[in-house]
Amino acid sequence: MIEATLHKLAEHILGLDEASLAGLSQKYKERIENFEVSKEWEKSVIIFFIINAVRAKNQIFNEQILKRGQTQEKTEPDPRRPRGKPKLRRVK
């Protein structure tokens, strides 16, 4: 039950726009810096960390995509050369 709820929450959060969340980051940072014993303060902490989790996820995702792109560039064979044949040039 708890895990299913967390999965639903994650699905919903993945649908949120990072740029919109970034605009809210400062608001919730200020709220958590002004500690008070209340449910609203506790919610603010959770919201702040959700915003930062989305940012961290996107940063890791983008770094991995870049690494993959660089790796593919290095390992992609020359499409003009048939596979299995050595790269030879004619010298005159």
C-alpha atoms as a PDB file:
ATOM      1  CA  MET A   1       0.000   0.000   0.000  1.00  0.00           C
ATOM      2  CA  ILE A   2       2.722   2.505   0.953  1.00  0.00           C
ATOM      3  CA  GLU A   3       4.872   1.557  -2.027  1.00  0.00           C
ATOM      4  CA  ALA A   4       1.932   1.918  -4.421  1.00  0.00           C
ATOM      5  CA  THR A   5       1.215   5.360  -2.988  1.00  0.00           C
ATOM      6  CA  LEU A   6       4.845   6.373  -3.436  1.00  0.00           C
ATOM      7  CA  HIS A   7       4.796   5.169  -7.051  1.00  0.00           C
ATOM      8  CA  LYS A   8       1.673   7.246  -7.754  1.00  0.00           C
ATOM      9  CA  LEU A   9       3.289  10.247  -6.117  1.00  0.00           C
ATOM     10  CA  ALA A  10       6.440   9.792  -8.199  1.00  0.00           C
ATOM     11  CA  GLU A  11       4.382   9.551 -11.404  1.00  0.00           C
ATOM     12  CA  HIS A  12       2.614  12.771 -10.532  1.00  0.00           C
ATOM     13  CA  ILE A  13       5.838  14.566  -9.618  1.00  0.00           C
ATOM     14  CA  LEU A  14       7.509  13.460 -12.875  1.00  0.00           C
ATOM     15  CA  GLY A  15       4.723  15.270 -14.709  1.00  0.00           C
ATOM     16  CA  LEU A  16       5.621  18.600 -13.100  1.00  0.00           C
ATOM     17  CA  ASP A  17       7.684  21.173 -14.958  1.00  0.00           C
ATOM     18  CA  GLU A  18      11.117  21.822 -13.425  1.00  0.00           C
ATOM     19  CA  ALA A  19      11.053  25.499 -14.421  1.00  0.00           C
ATOM     20  CA  SER A  20       7.772  26.021 -12.576  1.00  0.00           C
ATOM     21  CA  LEU A  21       9.118  24.177  -9.552  1.00  0.00           C
ATOM     22  CA  ALA A  22      12.300  26.266  -9.571  1.00  0.00           C
ATOM     23  CA  GLY A  23      10.176  29.382  -9.210  1.00  0.00           C
ATOM     24  CA  LEU A  24       8.748  27.990  -5.994  1.00  0.00           C
ATOM     25  CA  SER A  25      12.067  26.908  -4.521  1.00  0.00           C
ATOM     26  CA  GLN A  26      12.928  30.226  -2.853  1.00  0.00           C
ATOM     27  CA  LYS A  27       9.442  30.539  -1.361  1.00  0.00           C
ATOM     28  CA  TYR A  28       9.691  27.171   0.371  1.00  0.00           C
ATOM     29  CA  LYS A  29      13.301  27.703   1.377  1.00  0.00           C
ATOM     30  CA  GLU A  30      12.234  30.843   3.253  1.00  0.00           C
ATOM     31  CA  ARG A  31       9.347  28.998   4.875  1.00  0.00           C
ATOM     32  CA  ILE A  32      11.549  26.233   6.228  1.00  0.00           C
ATOM     33  CA  GLU A  33      14.124  28.720   7.490  1.00  0.00           C
ATOM     34  CA  ASN A  34      11.390  30.278   9.656  1.00  0.00           C
ATOM     35  CA  PHE A  35      10.783  27.262  11.861  1.00  0.00           C
ATOM     36  CA  GLU A  36       7.430  26.835  13.537  1.00  0.00           C
ATOM     37  CA  VAL A  37       5.749  23.811  15.038  1.00  0.00           C
ATOM     38  CA  SER A  38       3.011  23.237  12.468  1.00  0.00           C
ATOM     39  CA  LYS A  39       1.864  20.911   9.719  1.00  0.00           C
ATOM     40  CA  GLU A  40       2.361  23.752   7.231  1.00  0.00           C
ATOM     41  CA  TRP A  41       6.048  23.992   8.108  1.00  0.00           C
ATOM     42  CA  GLU A  42       6.404  20.204   7.760  1.00  0.00           C
ATOM     43  CA  LYS A  43       4.697  20.306   4.349  1.00  0.00           C
ATOM     44  CA  SER A  44       7.021  23.115   3.286  1.00  0.00           C
ATOM     45  CA  VAL A  45      10.054  20.973   4.109  1.00  0.00           C
ATOM     46  CA  ILE A  46       8.680  18.082   2.049  1.00  0.00           C
ATOM     47  CA  ILE A  47       7.833  20.386  -0.879  1.00  0.00           C
ATOM     48  CA  PHE A  48      11.289  21.975  -0.790  1.00  0.00           C
ATOM     49  CA  PHE A  49      12.984  18.591  -0.927  1.00  0.00           C
ATOM     50  CA  ILE A  50      10.688  17.360  -3.710  1.00  0.00           C
ATOM     51  CA  ILE A  51      11.691  20.401  -5.784  1.00  0.00           C
ATOM     52  CA  ASN A  52      15.363  19.654  -5.147  1.00  0.00           C
ATOM     53  CA  ALA A  53      14.854  15.953  -5.893  1.00  0.00           C
ATOM     54  CA  VAL A  54      13.424  16.819  -9.326  1.00  0.00           C
ATOM     55  CA  ARG A  55      16.387  19.129  -9.971  1.00  0.00           C
ATOM     56  CA  ALA A  56      18.875  16.434  -8.924  1.00  0.00           C
ATOM     57  CA  LYS A  57      17.111  13.805 -11.043  1.00  0.00           C
ATOM     58  CA  ASN A  58      17.210  16.055 -14.103  1.00  0.00           C
ATOM     59  CA  GLN A  59      20.878  16.901 -13.565  1.00  0.00           C
ATOM     60  CA  ILE A  60      21.847  13.226 -13.279  1.00  0.00           C
ATOM     61  CA  PHE A  61      19.673  12.369 -16.292  1.00  0.00           C
ATOM     62  CA  ASN A  62      21.272  15.092 -18.446  1.00  0.00           C
ATOM     63  CA  GLU A  63      24.801  14.095 -17.410  1.00  0.00           C
ATOM     64  CA  GLN A  64      24.127  10.469 -18.328  1.00  0.00           C
ATOM     65  CA  ILE A  65      22.662  11.446 -21.714  1.00  0.00           C
ATOM     66  CA  LEU A  66      25.760  13.538 -22.444  1.00  0.00           C
ATOM     67  CA  LYS A  67      28.073  10.677 -21.437  1.00  0.00           C
ATOM     68  CA  ARG A  68      26.150   8.277 -23.654  1.00  0.00           C
ATOM     69  CA  GLY A  69      26.379  10.657 -26.582  1.00  0.00           C
ATOM     70  CA  GLN A  70      30.131  11.047 -26.136  1.00  0.00           C
ATOM     71  CA  THR A  71      30.593   7.281 -25.833  1.00  0.00           C
ATOM     72  CA  GLN A  72      28.593   6.622 -28.999  1.00  0.00           C
ATOM     73  CA  GLU A  73      30.637   9.173 -30.934  1.00  0.00           C
ATOM     74  CA  LYS A  74      33.836   7.372 -29.948  1.00  0.00           C
ATOM     75  CA  THR A  75      32.578   3.857 -30.667  1.00  0.00           C
ATOM     76  CA  GLU A  76      30.445   4.400 -33.781  1.00  0.00           C
ATOM     77  CA  PRO A  77      32.019   2.684 -36.757  1.00  0.00           C
ATOM     78  CA  ASP A  78      32.643   4.582 -39.977  1.00  0.00           C
ATOM     79  CA  PRO A  79      29.469   3.985 -42.038  1.00  0.00           C
ATOM     80  CA  ARG A  80      31.488   4.144 -45.293  1.00  0.00           C
ATOM     81  CA  ARG A  81      33.629   1.173 -44.302  1.00  0.00           C
ATOM     82  CA  PRO A  82      32.142  -2.332 -44.380  1.00  0.00           C
ATOM     83  CA  ARG A  83      32.302  -4.203 -41.102  1.00  0.00           C
ATOM     84  CA  GLY A  84      35.126  -6.616 -40.533  1.00  0.00           C
ATOM     85  CA  LYS A  85      37.444  -5.116 -43.118  1.00  0.00           C
ATOM     86  CA  PRO A  86      40.576  -3.236 -42.115  1.00  0.00           C
ATOM     87  CA  LYS A  87      40.875   0.446 -42.860  1.00  0.00           C
ATOM     88  CA  LEU A  88      43.228   0.590 -45.838  1.00  0.00           C
ATOM     89  CA  ARG A  89      44.273   3.419 -48.139  1.00  0.00           C
ATOM     90  CA  ARG A  90      45.775   3.250 -51.599  1.00  0.00           C
ATOM     91  CA  VAL A  91      49.211   4.835 -51.723  1.00  0.00           C
ATOM     92  CA  LYS A  92      50.584   5.915 -55.116  1.00  0.00           C
END
